[in-house]
Each structure stands twice: as structure tokens, then as C-alpha cells.
Amino acid sequence: MKNKSKFFSVSFFPSEKCGVFGAFGDNMESARLVHTGLWTLQHRGQESSGIASSEGTTIRVVKDEGLVAHVYNEELLSLLSGNIAIGHNRYGTSGGAGKMHAQPVTGTKNLVALAHNGNLPSVTKIKSFLEKKGIDTTLMNDSEMMHSAIEYYMSEGLSLEESVKKSFPLFTGVFSLLLMTNNQIAALRDSKGIRPLSLAKLNGGYVFSSETCAFDALGATYIRDVMPGELVVIDSKGVHSYQIAKGDQKLDIFEFVYFSRPDSVLLGKSVNEVRKNLGRILAKENNIDGDIVIPVPDSAIPAAIGYSEQSKIPFDFGLIKNRYIHRTFIRPSQKLRERDVAMKLNPIPNLIKGKRVILIDDSIVRGTTSKKIVERILSAGAKEVHLLISSPAVLYPDFYGINTPNQDDLIASMMSIKEMTKYINVTSLHFLSYKGLLEAIGLPESKLSTSCFTGIYPVGIGERRKDIKRHPKVK
């Protein structure tokens, strides 16, 4: 094992994966639509939530730490009048946590509001630009710098469209943005389309969302994805599209593995069906004798169903989830993640006792959560626990919006399969092959960002490149 002490003293520079939702339309209570959309996208961020709206003259914003259910009430929603609104659920954080970094970002000039899903691995270029313009960036994170650049150009008299076009070259990283002025809403994706963003029609108006599942909740009709490198602006005259940069689709493959809800559709593929395929292929690749297939809820449920269908081993919910506990993967500290596992998942002993358990999970990042879950299954009397992962081993850090920026935090990068098996304390440990992952998704490898598995970063990571060590498992 390499440098074991570094792995166990987990420390990391957190980044963010968030959910954004926006609405525009005559005679629409847009903020209430956004509120519903954010409920649907709660899984994408649980640190803070915010909504900005306008009735045509003033941008108003409500935002705070906490879940959607905690941040808003009827009194606050009634303040967010108008037919334009954008909202944001935040997780993680690049450049700090707490209410001060909750989004949407607004400025003192009240010209534009911004909601950002993604991360800029390097802010050198944009920081230099802002400082040359006399703008203090000391307390700003990447999202706030992006807002400041656009706001600067708008304060110089440029339109939203022109301000975005001029600012775009400064955005060295990954972003799905929603923007709004007093009379416009806009959506923008980076040229690789790493993070999802889609457009739908609703009651004569339009809505944008990080995931299509939010459209279903509102009864909106999906139109299309915002294309990589595209700026879509909606105003009283209709929908306007500007291709700011040449697009080259590279959707983050982890959206299929874990992030997105199973009832969402990505690049025309049902996430639920993809995850079932992951389980089916996992069973084909690993013929294991077992008595019961148990998923780690919720994201591994479809894969476990697929595994059970293919292997003919019975499926059951041997772990019961407390629905009121956060997603442990995106909790900002290891202590919180470990505490949440104990509160979140409770085994059912009469299903597990004396059984050879095949435990299905979607991924292993740090390994500590898996270890805790296995401990609970063994304490419930399992005879054997075989841990099968419906994705390949995560060998490389993410700089595009996942909470794993340090390679030394990744258990598969620090340990062999044998060492991981011993550490997690399972009978056996198996990962889905990279080939099997691509087969399950059914899209060309060229359409996906696979950086966590291959170390190939389609969007430049600037000065963070020096932190990457090539892993011998990847040729």
C-alpha cells in the first residue's frame, strides 16, 4: 500500500456540484415554479438554497443555508414576485461555505443574478482580469468572479448577451449557468457540456433545469438540451440562441453513475435504464454465489435490480434508508459522513442473518462509507458480504464539481483490490469494467468526460495538473 497515512488523514479542497432551475413567462409565478424545481433537484445540493426573481424593475433574492424545506416559507415566497426567476441548490464549495456564498449571486448594482453548477479549477485568468479593473476578489469564489465579470461589462453599458460573450474566455473550467436581468433569463454551458442543462416549455413560458426530472414534476414539455458552448436568451420577443464557442459534448459520466435522479434523461438515455444495465453487465462479469442481492439505497437500487435479473439471485431491501438524512457522499466533512451512515441506513437482520450477501453500490470514493455499511451488515448476522460496484474504480480526482479533488483521498488510487477488500472487511470486492460501463450507457466514449476513471481531463485544469499522478491501472 502506498502512503497509507495520507489516506487515513483525509483532507480535501471541496468543490461543488449543484442544481439550477429557472422560469420565464407572462402571467407566471416564476419563483413558485422555481421553488418546486429546487425541491426536485434537492439531491444535487444540500448546503444552501436561493431564488432570485424580478417583476421587471428590481431583482429580489432570498437565500440561506439549509434544505429547500428550511429556507423558504410563504412569507418569503410572496416577496419573490414577477415572471422571471432563477434558483440554486448548492453543495460543496469552491472558496468557502455558509450563507455568504449561497446563490444566486447578485451584486450591489442589481444588474444581473447568476446561478452556477460546476467549478473553475483555475481562476488565475478571471482573477487577473477583475483585479486589473479594480475589483477586489479576496473573498470571492469562482461563481462570484464569473458574476463580477459579467456585471462589469453590463455596468459599462453592454447588453447581457454581449457581456456574456466578452466574459466567456475568462471562464476557465466547467459551468452550466443561469442568468437573469429585470427582463431576460439566459442559460450558458461550457464548450464541453460537462454539466447538464435543459430547456422545456410550460404554459406558454419556458423553464430551464439541471435535470429533466424537474420538468416532469411541473408538467413541462422537454424541448432540448442547451448545447455545449451555447448561450440561450429568453425575453418578451422569444428564444434567442448564440453559439459562443464550438461545442464538443463531454457529459460527466458520473451523472449516469450517481449524480442524476433515475427518472432523468441524459443525452437521450434513461438514467434508470442505464443503471439497470450497469447491474446486468456487472453480473455477467462477476459470477458469484450468493443468497440475496441488497442495494445501498437510493442510487444503487436500479443496478441491484439489474444484477438480480441477470444473476437470478433474489433482490430485497436489506438496508432501510432514513429519508431525512443527507446524501453522505456530498457531506463536507468525514466526521459528518460517518455519523450520517449510522443514522441513514439500518439493516434488517431477518433478511440478512446467515446469508451470503451481494451488496451493490454505485461507487467507492474514500472507502470509509462502504466500511461502515459493511460493518452494519455483518453485525446483522451476514455469513458473507460480497461488495460489487457498478462503476470502475475512481482513480483520479475531479476538478469539475465533485467533492474529491485530492488523489490521495481516493481509496482505489492508494490501495490494491486486495488491500481494499481487507480494509472494507468484505469477503470479496469487484468493480465494473470500464468497457462494461461504456456498454451500459450506450453512448460513444467521445461524448463523455471520464476523468475520474481515466485521468483524461477534457477541460484544462491549469495549475492543478501538477497534483495528478498517473495510475498504473490505466494504460
Protein backbone atom coordinates (compact mmCIF):
# COMPACT_ATOMS: atom_id res chain seq x y z
CA MET A 1 0.00 0.00 0.00
CA LYS A 2 1.26 3.45 -0.91
CA ASN A 3 1.38 6.23 1.67
CA LYS A 4 -1.36 4.80 3.85
CA SER A 5 -1.08 7.54 6.45
CA LYS A 6 -2.04 10.21 3.93
CA PHE A 7 -5.17 8.30 3.02
CA PHE A 8 -6.42 7.93 6.56
CA SER A 9 -5.86 11.58 7.44
CA VAL A 10 -8.44 12.69 4.90
CA SER A 11 -8.31 16.31 3.92
CA PHE A 12 -9.63 17.86 0.74
CA PHE A 13 -10.34 21.12 -1.02
CA PRO A 14 -14.05 20.85 -1.69
CA SER A 15 -15.66 21.92 -4.92
CA GLU A 16 -19.26 21.93 -5.98
CA LYS A 17 -21.96 20.07 -7.83
CA CYS A 18 -25.22 21.96 -7.70
CA GLY A 19 -28.71 22.16 -9.13
CA VAL A 20 -30.10 25.14 -11.05
CA PHE A 21 -33.64 25.90 -12.20
CA GLY A 22 -35.12 28.92 -13.96
CA ALA A 23 -38.51 30.09 -15.24
CA PHE A 24 -39.71 32.82 -17.62
CA GLY A 25 -43.21 33.57 -18.88
CA ASP A 26 -46.08 36.03 -18.93
CA ASN A 27 -48.61 35.56 -16.13
CA MET A 28 -46.34 33.00 -14.42
CA GLU A 29 -45.49 32.98 -10.74
CA SER A 30 -41.95 32.08 -11.69
CA ALA A 31 -40.48 31.97 -8.19
CA ARG A 32 -43.03 29.36 -7.11
CA LEU A 33 -42.21 27.27 -10.17
CA VAL A 34 -38.52 27.56 -9.32
CA HIS A 35 -39.28 26.58 -5.73
CA THR A 36 -40.90 23.35 -6.97
CA GLY A 37 -37.99 22.77 -9.32
CA LEU A 38 -35.49 23.13 -6.49
CA TRP A 39 -37.43 20.59 -4.41
CA THR A 40 -36.98 18.15 -7.29
CA LEU A 41 -33.26 18.93 -7.54
CA GLN A 42 -32.55 18.74 -3.79
CA HIS A 43 -30.31 15.70 -4.34
CA ARG A 44 -27.83 17.89 -6.23
CA GLY A 45 -27.05 20.19 -3.30
CA GLN A 46 -27.97 20.39 0.36
CA GLU A 47 -25.77 23.11 1.79
CA SER A 48 -27.84 26.14 0.82
CA SER A 49 -30.65 27.25 -1.48
CA GLY A 50 -31.69 30.52 -3.07
CA ILE A 51 -34.12 32.11 -5.53
CA ALA A 52 -33.84 35.43 -7.36
CA SER A 53 -36.83 36.96 -9.16
CA SER A 54 -37.89 40.13 -10.93
CA GLU A 55 -41.16 41.78 -11.85
CA GLY A 56 -39.41 43.98 -14.40
CA THR A 57 -37.73 46.65 -12.30
CA THR A 58 -35.85 45.09 -9.36
CA ILE A 59 -34.08 41.79 -8.75
CA ARG A 60 -35.02 40.38 -5.36
CA VAL A 61 -33.30 37.42 -3.78
CA VAL A 62 -33.96 35.02 -0.89
CA LYS A 63 -31.19 32.61 0.06
CA ASP A 64 -29.88 30.86 3.14
CA GLU A 65 -28.13 27.77 4.42
CA GLY A 66 -30.17 24.60 4.59
CA LEU A 67 -32.54 22.48 2.53
CA VAL A 68 -35.30 23.85 0.34
CA ALA A 69 -37.80 22.93 3.05
CA HIS A 70 -35.89 25.05 5.58
CA VAL A 71 -35.03 28.13 3.56
CA TYR A 72 -38.44 29.20 2.23
CA ASN A 73 -41.85 29.89 3.68
CA GLU A 74 -44.98 31.54 2.34
CA GLU A 75 -43.96 34.98 3.55
CA LEU A 76 -40.62 34.82 1.76
CA LEU A 77 -42.05 33.37 -1.44
CA SER A 78 -44.62 36.17 -1.54
CA LEU A 79 -41.72 38.65 -1.73
CA LEU A 80 -40.40 36.99 -4.88
CA SER A 81 -42.95 38.33 -7.32
CA GLY A 82 -42.51 38.53 -11.06
CA ASN A 83 -42.43 36.46 -14.22
CA ILE A 84 -38.66 35.78 -14.19
CA ALA A 85 -36.81 33.71 -11.60
CA ILE A 86 -33.74 31.52 -11.20
CA GLY A 87 -32.84 29.24 -8.31
CA HIS A 88 -29.89 27.29 -6.98
CA ASN A 89 -29.23 24.40 -4.60
CA ARG A 90 -25.60 24.43 -3.51
CA TYR A 91 -23.26 21.76 -2.31
CA GLY A 92 -19.67 21.59 -1.51
CA THR A 93 -17.88 24.75 -2.09
CA SER A 94 -15.13 26.33 -4.04
CA GLY A 95 -13.82 29.19 -1.97
CA GLY A 96 -15.83 28.87 1.20
CA ALA A 97 -19.10 27.75 2.72
CA GLY A 98 -22.00 29.34 4.52
CA LYS A 99 -24.71 31.85 3.72
CA MET A 100 -22.29 34.40 2.27
CA HIS A 101 -21.60 32.06 -0.66
CA ALA A 102 -25.19 30.91 -1.19
CA GLN A 103 -26.52 31.55 -4.69
CA PRO A 104 -27.91 33.08 -6.87
CA VAL A 105 -25.11 35.63 -6.83
CA THR A 106 -26.29 39.23 -7.05
CA GLY A 107 -24.34 42.46 -6.94
CA THR A 108 -24.89 45.85 -5.38
CA LYS A 109 -25.65 47.25 -8.83
CA ASN A 110 -28.67 44.94 -9.15
CA LEU A 111 -27.97 44.34 -12.84
CA VAL A 112 -27.78 40.56 -13.06
CA ALA A 113 -28.20 37.41 -10.94
CA LEU A 114 -26.20 34.24 -11.55
CA ALA A 115 -26.59 30.56 -10.56
CA HIS A 116 -23.68 28.22 -11.29
CA ASN A 117 -23.39 24.44 -11.49
CA GLY A 118 -19.78 23.41 -11.98
CA ASN A 119 -16.31 24.51 -10.96
CA LEU A 120 -13.40 26.53 -12.32
CA PRO A 121 -10.23 24.55 -11.47
CA SER A 122 -8.17 27.65 -12.24
CA VAL A 123 -9.30 31.23 -11.55
CA THR A 124 -5.97 32.84 -12.44
CA LYS A 125 -7.23 34.39 -15.67
CA ILE A 126 -10.51 35.79 -14.36
CA LYS A 127 -8.96 36.95 -11.09
CA SER A 128 -6.28 38.88 -13.01
CA PHE A 129 -8.93 40.50 -15.21
CA LEU A 130 -11.05 41.62 -12.27
CA GLU A 131 -8.12 42.97 -10.28
CA LYS A 132 -6.97 44.98 -13.30
CA LYS A 133 -10.46 46.52 -13.34
CA GLY A 134 -10.10 47.48 -9.67
CA ILE A 135 -12.42 44.76 -8.36
CA ASP A 136 -11.35 43.13 -5.08
CA THR A 137 -11.53 39.31 -5.38
CA THR A 138 -10.23 38.48 -1.90
CA LEU A 139 -13.44 36.88 -0.59
CA MET A 140 -14.83 35.69 -3.94
CA ASN A 141 -15.28 32.10 -5.08
CA ASP A 142 -15.33 31.11 -8.75
CA SER A 143 -19.07 31.74 -9.19
CA GLU A 144 -18.81 35.21 -7.71
CA MET A 145 -15.90 36.05 -10.01
CA MET A 146 -17.95 34.97 -13.02
CA HIS A 147 -20.80 37.20 -11.89
CA SER A 148 -18.44 40.12 -11.32
CA ALA A 149 -17.01 39.84 -14.84
CA ILE A 150 -20.46 39.87 -16.45
CA GLU A 151 -21.63 42.65 -14.16
CA TYR A 152 -18.57 44.73 -15.04
CA TYR A 153 -19.37 44.66 -18.74
CA MET A 154 -23.06 45.35 -18.12
CA SER A 155 -22.14 48.35 -15.97
CA GLU A 156 -20.18 49.61 -18.99
CA GLY A 157 -23.42 49.66 -20.95
CA LEU A 158 -23.20 46.32 -22.77
CA SER A 159 -26.20 44.03 -23.13
CA LEU A 160 -26.41 40.76 -21.24
CA GLU A 161 -25.59 38.89 -24.44
CA GLU A 162 -22.50 40.96 -25.21
CA SER A 163 -21.36 40.88 -21.59
CA VAL A 164 -21.51 37.09 -21.54
CA LYS A 165 -19.67 36.82 -24.86
CA LYS A 166 -16.85 39.05 -23.60
CA SER A 167 -16.65 37.24 -20.25
CA PHE A 168 -16.76 33.71 -21.67
CA PRO A 169 -12.98 33.41 -22.40
CA LEU A 170 -12.29 34.17 -18.73
CA PHE A 171 -14.29 31.14 -17.55
CA THR A 172 -11.53 28.52 -17.49
CA GLY A 173 -13.43 25.49 -16.29
CA VAL A 174 -16.82 23.85 -16.14
CA PHE A 175 -20.13 25.69 -15.91
CA SER A 176 -23.83 25.41 -16.54
CA LEU A 177 -25.07 28.91 -15.75
CA LEU A 178 -28.45 30.52 -15.35
CA LEU A 179 -28.52 34.31 -15.52
CA MET A 180 -31.32 36.84 -15.19
CA THR A 181 -31.82 40.57 -15.56
CA ASN A 182 -35.03 42.51 -14.95
CA ASN A 183 -36.43 41.35 -18.29
CA GLN A 184 -34.35 38.40 -19.51
CA ILE A 185 -33.33 34.91 -18.50
CA ALA A 186 -30.31 33.19 -20.00
CA ALA A 187 -28.60 29.80 -19.91
CA LEU A 188 -24.97 29.08 -20.75
CA ARG A 189 -22.87 25.91 -20.90
CA ASP A 190 -19.13 25.49 -21.26
CA SER A 191 -17.87 24.25 -24.61
CA LYS A 192 -17.65 20.63 -23.41
CA GLY A 193 -21.09 20.46 -21.77
CA ILE A 194 -19.70 18.68 -18.70
CA ARG A 195 -22.74 19.50 -16.53
CA PRO A 196 -26.29 19.00 -17.85
CA LEU A 197 -28.78 21.80 -18.57
CA SER A 198 -32.06 21.51 -20.46
CA LEU A 199 -34.92 23.68 -21.75
CA ALA A 200 -38.66 22.96 -21.61
CA LYS A 201 -41.93 24.71 -22.38
CA LEU A 202 -44.59 25.34 -19.72
CA ASN A 203 -47.90 27.20 -20.00
CA GLY A 204 -46.68 29.45 -22.79
CA GLY A 205 -43.43 30.15 -20.98
CA TYR A 206 -40.10 28.38 -20.56
CA VAL A 207 -38.15 26.62 -17.83
CA PHE A 208 -34.51 25.55 -17.55
CA SER A 209 -33.28 22.74 -15.32
CA SER A 210 -30.14 20.80 -14.42
CA GLU A 211 -32.20 17.62 -14.83
CA THR A 212 -35.30 16.65 -16.81
CA CYS A 213 -36.97 15.08 -13.75
CA ALA A 214 -37.89 18.61 -12.61
CA PHE A 215 -39.82 19.15 -15.85
CA ASP A 216 -41.93 16.09 -15.09
CA ALA A 217 -42.78 17.43 -11.63
CA LEU A 218 -44.19 20.62 -13.19
CA GLY A 219 -45.78 19.07 -16.25
CA ALA A 220 -43.36 20.91 -18.56
CA THR A 221 -42.59 19.61 -22.04
CA TYR A 222 -38.91 18.98 -22.75
CA ILE A 223 -37.65 20.85 -25.82
CA ARG A 224 -33.91 20.20 -25.94
CA ASP A 225 -30.62 20.45 -24.10
CA VAL A 226 -28.71 23.70 -24.04
CA MET A 227 -25.82 22.82 -26.32
CA PRO A 228 -22.17 22.93 -25.25
CA GLY A 229 -20.81 26.43 -25.84
CA GLU A 230 -24.31 27.83 -26.39
CA LEU A 231 -25.96 30.89 -24.83
CA VAL A 232 -29.77 30.79 -24.84
CA VAL A 233 -31.53 34.07 -24.00
CA ILE A 234 -35.29 34.38 -23.49
CA ASP A 235 -37.13 37.69 -23.36
CA SER A 236 -40.52 39.08 -24.38
CA LYS A 237 -39.61 38.59 -28.04
CA GLY A 238 -38.89 34.87 -27.71
CA VAL A 239 -35.95 32.48 -27.58
CA HIS A 240 -32.57 33.55 -28.97
CA SER A 241 -29.58 31.25 -29.43
CA TYR A 242 -25.90 32.25 -29.71
CA GLN A 243 -23.15 29.70 -30.29
CA ILE A 244 -20.36 31.43 -28.38
CA ALA A 245 -17.81 28.61 -28.70
CA LYS A 246 -17.54 25.47 -30.78
CA GLY A 247 -19.24 22.69 -28.87
CA ASP A 248 -17.76 19.26 -28.20
CA GLN A 249 -20.08 17.24 -25.95
CA LYS A 250 -18.31 15.59 -22.97
CA LEU A 251 -21.03 14.98 -20.37
CA ASP A 252 -19.67 13.87 -16.99
CA ILE A 253 -20.07 10.09 -16.90
CA PHE A 254 -20.74 10.30 -13.14
CA GLU A 255 -24.12 11.86 -13.93
CA PHE A 256 -25.15 8.38 -15.11
CA VAL A 257 -23.39 6.53 -12.29
CA TYR A 258 -24.55 8.55 -9.28
CA PHE A 259 -25.47 12.22 -9.52
CA SER A 260 -28.67 12.38 -11.53
CA ARG A 261 -32.02 11.06 -10.38
CA PRO A 262 -33.03 7.78 -12.09
CA ASP A 263 -36.13 9.44 -13.57
CA SER A 264 -34.00 11.92 -15.52
CA VAL A 265 -32.92 11.60 -19.15
CA LEU A 266 -29.37 12.46 -20.25
CA LEU A 267 -28.37 12.69 -23.92
CA GLY A 268 -31.50 10.72 -24.77
CA LYS A 269 -30.71 7.92 -22.31
CA SER A 270 -32.90 6.98 -19.34
CA VAL A 271 -30.70 7.11 -16.24
CA ASN A 272 -32.77 4.36 -14.65
CA GLU A 273 -32.29 2.00 -17.61
CA VAL A 274 -28.57 2.78 -17.80
CA ARG A 275 -28.17 1.88 -14.13
CA LYS A 276 -30.05 -1.39 -14.63
CA ASN A 277 -27.68 -2.12 -17.50
CA LEU A 278 -24.74 -1.43 -15.19
CA GLY A 279 -26.03 -4.12 -12.84
CA ARG A 280 -26.72 -6.62 -15.62
CA ILE A 281 -23.20 -6.29 -17.03
CA LEU A 282 -21.72 -6.38 -13.52
CA ALA A 283 -23.42 -9.77 -13.04
CA LYS A 284 -22.08 -11.03 -16.38
CA GLU A 285 -18.57 -10.01 -15.43
CA ASN A 286 -18.72 -11.44 -11.89
CA ASN A 287 -20.34 -14.83 -11.33
CA ILE A 288 -20.68 -15.00 -7.53
CA ASP A 289 -22.66 -17.46 -5.41
CA GLY A 290 -24.99 -15.54 -3.14
CA ASP A 291 -28.33 -15.77 -1.39
CA ILE A 292 -29.59 -12.20 -1.63
CA VAL A 293 -28.84 -9.03 -3.61
CA ILE A 294 -29.06 -5.87 -1.50
CA PRO A 295 -28.61 -2.32 -2.81
CA VAL A 296 -27.15 0.63 -0.97
CA PRO A 297 -30.14 2.96 -1.39
CA ASP A 298 -31.02 5.00 -3.32
CA SER A 299 -28.71 5.42 -6.30
CA ALA A 300 -27.64 1.75 -6.41
CA ILE A 301 -31.18 0.35 -6.49
CA PRO A 302 -31.54 0.12 -10.29
CA ALA A 303 -28.12 -1.53 -10.62
CA ALA A 304 -29.04 -4.08 -7.93
CA ILE A 305 -32.30 -4.85 -9.75
CA GLY A 306 -30.34 -5.39 -12.97
CA TYR A 307 -27.82 -7.60 -11.17
CA SER A 308 -30.63 -9.68 -9.67
CA GLU A 309 -32.38 -10.06 -13.03
CA GLN A 310 -29.20 -11.26 -14.71
CA SER A 311 -27.90 -13.50 -11.91
CA LYS A 312 -31.33 -14.86 -10.84
CA ILE A 313 -30.35 -14.20 -7.21
CA PRO A 314 -33.29 -12.70 -5.24
CA PHE A 315 -33.35 -8.94 -4.68
CA ASP A 316 -34.54 -7.33 -1.45
CA PHE A 317 -34.18 -4.11 0.54
CA GLY A 318 -31.93 -5.33 3.31
CA LEU A 319 -30.94 -1.77 4.20
CA ILE A 320 -33.68 0.66 5.15
CA LYS A 321 -32.96 4.30 4.48
CA ASN A 322 -33.90 7.19 6.72
CA ARG A 323 -35.16 9.58 4.03
CA TYR A 324 -34.41 12.63 6.14
CA ILE A 325 -30.64 12.19 6.18
CA HIS A 326 -28.44 13.95 3.62
CA ARG A 327 -26.59 12.15 0.83
CA THR A 328 -23.41 11.16 2.65
CA PHE A 329 -21.18 11.45 -0.43
CA ILE A 330 -21.67 15.21 -0.58
CA ARG A 331 -21.32 15.98 3.11
CA PRO A 332 -18.45 18.43 3.63
CA SER A 333 -16.53 16.52 6.33
CA GLN A 334 -15.58 12.93 7.07
CA LYS A 335 -17.00 13.05 10.60
CA LEU A 336 -20.39 14.14 9.27
CA ARG A 337 -20.35 11.42 6.60
CA GLU A 338 -19.61 8.68 9.14
CA ARG A 339 -22.28 9.91 11.56
CA ASP A 340 -24.83 10.08 8.77
CA VAL A 341 -24.18 6.49 7.65
CA ALA A 342 -25.17 5.16 11.06
CA MET A 343 -28.31 7.30 11.08
CA LYS A 344 -29.14 6.80 7.43
CA LEU A 345 -29.03 3.03 6.82
CA ASN A 346 -30.41 0.35 9.09
CA PRO A 347 -30.10 -3.37 8.21
CA ILE A 348 -32.98 -5.86 8.50
CA PRO A 349 -31.50 -8.83 10.42
CA ASN A 350 -34.11 -11.43 9.43
CA LEU A 351 -33.25 -10.86 5.74
CA ILE A 352 -29.50 -10.87 6.31
CA LYS A 353 -28.71 -13.34 9.11
CA GLY A 354 -26.82 -16.38 7.84
CA LYS A 355 -26.96 -15.17 4.22
CA ARG A 356 -24.28 -14.71 1.60
CA VAL A 357 -24.99 -11.09 0.81
CA ILE A 358 -24.22 -9.48 -2.53
CA LEU A 359 -24.10 -5.78 -1.71
CA ILE A 360 -24.39 -3.43 -4.69
CA ASP A 361 -23.16 0.15 -4.56
CA ASP A 362 -22.62 2.68 -7.35
CA SER A 363 -19.08 3.75 -6.46
CA ILE A 364 -16.35 3.84 -3.85
CA VAL A 365 -14.63 7.16 -3.33
CA ARG A 366 -12.89 7.34 0.05
CA GLY A 367 -13.98 3.87 1.24
CA THR A 368 -14.96 4.92 4.75
CA THR A 369 -18.70 4.96 4.00
CA SER A 370 -18.50 1.46 2.46
CA LYS A 371 -16.63 0.20 5.51
CA LYS A 372 -19.33 1.50 7.87
CA ILE A 373 -22.13 -0.04 5.80
CA VAL A 374 -20.40 -3.42 5.71
CA GLU A 375 -19.89 -3.29 9.47
CA ARG A 376 -23.64 -2.87 9.95
CA ILE A 377 -24.47 -5.75 7.61
CA LEU A 378 -22.02 -8.05 9.36
CA SER A 379 -23.42 -7.03 12.74
CA ALA A 380 -26.84 -8.08 11.45
CA GLY A 381 -25.50 -11.62 11.01
CA ALA A 382 -24.42 -11.89 7.37
CA LYS A 383 -22.40 -15.04 6.64
CA GLU A 384 -20.51 -13.37 3.78
CA VAL A 385 -20.55 -9.92 2.21
CA HIS A 386 -19.51 -9.54 -1.42
CA LEU A 387 -19.30 -5.88 -2.40
CA LEU A 388 -19.89 -5.20 -6.08
CA ILE A 389 -19.52 -1.71 -7.52
CA SER A 390 -21.50 -0.71 -10.62
CA SER A 391 -18.70 1.53 -11.92
CA PRO A 392 -14.93 1.23 -12.32
CA ALA A 393 -12.52 2.23 -9.58
CA VAL A 394 -12.25 6.00 -9.09
CA LEU A 395 -8.53 6.60 -9.63
CA TYR A 396 -8.34 10.32 -10.33
CA PRO A 397 -9.64 13.47 -8.64
CA ASP A 398 -12.39 15.56 -10.14
CA PHE A 399 -11.96 19.27 -10.77
CA TYR A 400 -15.34 19.79 -12.43
CA GLY A 401 -17.67 19.77 -9.44
CA ILE A 402 -17.27 16.61 -7.31
CA ASN A 403 -16.04 16.58 -3.74
CA THR A 404 -12.87 14.53 -4.49
CA PRO A 405 -10.12 16.91 -5.55
CA ASN A 406 -7.14 15.17 -3.87
CA GLN A 407 -5.91 11.95 -5.43
CA ASP A 408 -4.59 10.75 -2.07
CA ASP A 409 -8.18 10.78 -0.77
CA LEU A 410 -9.24 8.11 -3.29
CA ILE A 411 -9.01 4.63 -1.80
CA ALA A 412 -8.64 2.90 -5.19
CA SER A 413 -5.73 5.17 -6.04
CA MET A 414 -3.97 4.34 -2.77
CA MET A 415 -4.75 0.63 -2.32
CA SER A 416 -4.82 -2.56 -4.36
CA ILE A 417 -8.04 -4.60 -4.65
CA LYS A 418 -6.67 -6.97 -2.02
CA GLU A 419 -5.89 -4.11 0.36
CA MET A 420 -9.31 -2.51 -0.19
CA THR A 421 -11.01 -5.85 0.45
CA LYS A 422 -9.22 -6.16 3.78
CA TYR A 423 -9.80 -2.53 4.77
CA ILE A 424 -13.54 -2.57 4.00
CA ASN A 425 -13.71 -6.08 5.54
CA VAL A 426 -15.65 -7.86 2.80
CA THR A 427 -15.44 -11.42 1.51
CA SER A 428 -14.73 -10.11 -1.97
CA LEU A 429 -14.72 -6.81 -3.85
CA HIS A 430 -15.43 -6.33 -7.55
CA PHE A 431 -15.70 -3.30 -9.82
CA LEU A 432 -17.49 -3.00 -13.14
CA SER A 433 -15.03 -2.81 -16.02
CA TYR A 434 -14.55 0.44 -17.92
CA LYS A 435 -15.66 -1.34 -21.10
CA GLY A 436 -18.78 -2.56 -19.30
CA LEU A 437 -19.57 0.97 -18.12
CA LEU A 438 -19.49 2.34 -21.67
CA GLU A 439 -21.55 -0.60 -22.94
CA ALA A 440 -24.22 0.01 -20.30
CA ILE A 441 -24.54 3.70 -21.16
CA GLY A 442 -24.70 3.08 -24.88
CA LEU A 443 -23.05 6.32 -25.94
CA PRO A 444 -19.69 6.82 -27.67
CA GLU A 445 -16.80 7.34 -25.30
CA SER A 446 -16.10 10.58 -27.19
CA LYS A 447 -19.37 12.07 -25.86
CA LEU A 448 -18.40 11.60 -22.21
CA SER A 449 -15.97 13.01 -19.67
CA THR A 450 -14.36 10.02 -17.97
CA SER A 451 -11.69 11.84 -15.99
CA CYS A 452 -12.33 10.09 -12.65
CA PHE A 453 -11.58 6.72 -14.24
CA THR A 454 -9.02 7.58 -16.92
CA GLY A 455 -7.29 10.78 -15.80
CA ILE A 456 -8.17 12.39 -19.14
CA TYR A 457 -9.46 15.91 -18.50
CA PRO A 458 -11.34 17.39 -21.48
CA VAL A 459 -11.36 20.86 -19.91
CA GLY A 460 -7.96 22.17 -18.87
CA ILE A 461 -7.27 22.09 -15.12
CA GLY A 462 -4.48 24.65 -15.16
CA GLU A 463 -2.15 24.65 -12.19
CA ARG A 464 -3.95 21.61 -10.70
CA ARG A 465 -2.31 19.37 -13.33
CA LYS A 466 0.78 19.12 -11.11
CA ASP A 467 -1.33 17.32 -8.48
CA ILE A 468 -2.11 14.37 -10.79
CA LYS A 469 -0.15 11.13 -10.57
CA ARG A 470 -0.64 8.67 -13.45
CA HIS A 471 -2.09 5.45 -12.10
CA PRO A 472 -0.56 2.14 -13.29
CA LYS A 473 -4.02 0.57 -13.69
CA VAL A 474 -4.75 2.90 -16.60
CA LYS A 475 -2.65 2.42 -19.72
